[in-house]
Amino acid sequence: MLVIVKSGPDTAEGNRGVGFARDMAADLILIQNGVYFALADKLDGFCGTAYLLDEDSRLRGIGDEAVGSGLLSVDYDRLVDLIAGADKVVGMM
C-alpha cells in the first residue's frame, strides 16, 4: 500500500495520513506541503519506505541537509512509477 500525503505536519489531515501509513506499515510519499514531514524527527519511528518529491522540497527551501535520514528523493517520473506499481494507493489531503 502507498499513502500520499500533501498536507503539512501542522494539519490534522497530514498527521492522519502519516499515522495511517505508520499503522498500516505502508509506504509514504510526501508531496506539496507534506514535504515538511521530512524535517528531522517528524517521521520518527516510521518503518515503511518514505519518499520525498524533490521538486516540492526544493520549492519550499528544504535542502538535503535538513531532510531526515531514511527518505528517498524522487522525481515526477519515479512518482508515477511508484503509483502505477502499487497494489493500493490512498491519497490524504
Protein backbone atom coordinates (compact mmCIF):
# COMPACT_ATOMS: atom_id res chain seq x y z
CA MET A 1 0.00 0.00 0.00
CA LEU A 2 1.12 3.51 -0.78
CA VAL A 3 -0.08 6.59 1.10
CA ILE A 4 0.32 10.03 -0.48
CA VAL A 5 0.33 12.99 1.93
CA LYS A 6 0.14 16.56 0.64
CA SER A 7 -0.75 18.42 3.87
CA GLY A 8 1.88 19.59 6.33
CA PRO A 9 2.56 18.43 9.88
CA ASP A 10 0.59 21.39 11.24
CA THR A 11 -2.68 19.94 9.89
CA ALA A 12 -4.96 17.17 11.08
CA GLU A 13 -5.06 15.72 7.56
CA GLY A 14 -1.28 15.45 7.28
CA ASN A 15 -0.91 13.83 10.68
CA ARG A 16 -3.78 11.46 9.94
CA GLY A 17 -2.11 10.40 6.69
CA VAL A 18 1.27 9.75 8.26
CA GLY A 19 -0.40 7.95 11.17
CA PHE A 20 -2.40 5.82 8.75
CA ALA A 21 0.74 4.88 6.82
CA ARG A 22 2.53 4.06 10.09
CA ASP A 23 -0.38 1.92 11.38
CA MET A 24 -0.77 0.04 8.09
CA ALA A 25 3.00 -0.41 7.59
CA ALA A 26 2.53 1.25 4.19
CA ASP A 27 5.00 3.22 2.14
CA LEU A 28 4.64 7.00 2.20
CA ILE A 29 5.06 9.68 -0.46
CA LEU A 30 5.37 13.28 0.70
CA ILE A 31 4.31 15.92 -1.82
CA GLN A 32 3.38 19.62 -1.71
CA ASN A 33 3.35 20.81 1.96
CA GLY A 34 3.69 17.20 3.09
CA VAL A 35 7.41 17.54 2.42
CA TYR A 36 7.70 19.39 5.74
CA PHE A 37 7.34 16.00 7.43
CA ALA A 38 10.80 15.29 6.04
CA LEU A 39 12.40 17.66 8.50
CA ALA A 40 14.29 15.96 11.31
CA ASP A 41 12.21 13.85 13.73
CA LYS A 42 8.84 14.40 12.03
CA LEU A 43 8.77 10.76 10.85
CA ASP A 44 10.43 9.27 13.90
CA GLY A 45 9.54 5.59 14.23
CA PHE A 46 8.17 5.23 10.69
CA CYS A 47 9.03 1.72 9.48
CA GLY A 48 7.93 1.82 5.83
CA THR A 49 9.74 3.41 2.93
CA ALA A 50 9.24 7.19 2.80
CA TYR A 51 9.64 9.07 -0.47
CA LEU A 52 10.00 12.81 -0.91
CA LEU A 53 9.13 14.65 -4.11
CA ASP A 54 12.36 16.51 -4.79
CA GLU A 55 10.85 19.43 -6.71
CA ASP A 56 8.36 20.22 -3.93
CA SER A 57 11.09 20.17 -1.30
CA ARG A 58 13.29 22.47 -3.39
CA LEU A 59 10.40 24.91 -3.95
CA ARG A 60 9.90 25.11 -0.18
CA GLY A 61 13.57 25.68 0.56
CA ILE A 62 14.16 22.31 2.18
CA GLY A 63 17.71 21.27 1.38
CA ASP A 64 19.20 17.81 1.56
CA GLU A 65 20.91 18.64 4.85
CA ALA A 66 17.55 19.36 6.54
CA VAL A 67 15.91 16.13 5.41
CA GLY A 68 15.78 13.32 7.94
CA SER A 69 17.64 10.13 7.22
CA GLY A 70 15.88 7.23 5.56
CA LEU A 71 13.98 9.30 2.99
CA LEU A 72 14.34 8.64 -0.70
CA SER A 73 14.09 11.64 -3.01
CA VAL A 74 12.09 11.01 -6.21
CA ASP A 75 11.22 13.00 -9.31
CA TYR A 76 7.83 13.06 -11.06
CA ASP A 77 8.67 10.12 -13.33
CA ARG A 78 9.55 7.91 -10.37
CA LEU A 79 6.43 9.13 -8.53
CA VAL A 80 4.24 7.93 -11.41
CA ASP A 81 6.07 4.58 -11.45
CA LEU A 82 5.51 4.14 -7.71
CA ILE A 83 1.79 4.92 -8.01
CA ALA A 84 1.33 2.67 -11.05
CA GLY A 85 3.17 -0.20 -9.39
CA ALA A 86 1.36 -0.09 -6.05
CA ASP A 87 -1.43 -2.54 -5.31
CA LYS A 88 -3.39 0.17 -3.42
CA VAL A 89 -2.95 3.94 -3.29
CA VAL A 90 -4.51 6.19 -0.65
CA GLY A 91 -4.36 9.96 -1.01
CA MET A 92 -4.54 12.01 2.19
CA MET A 93 -5.35 15.64 1.61
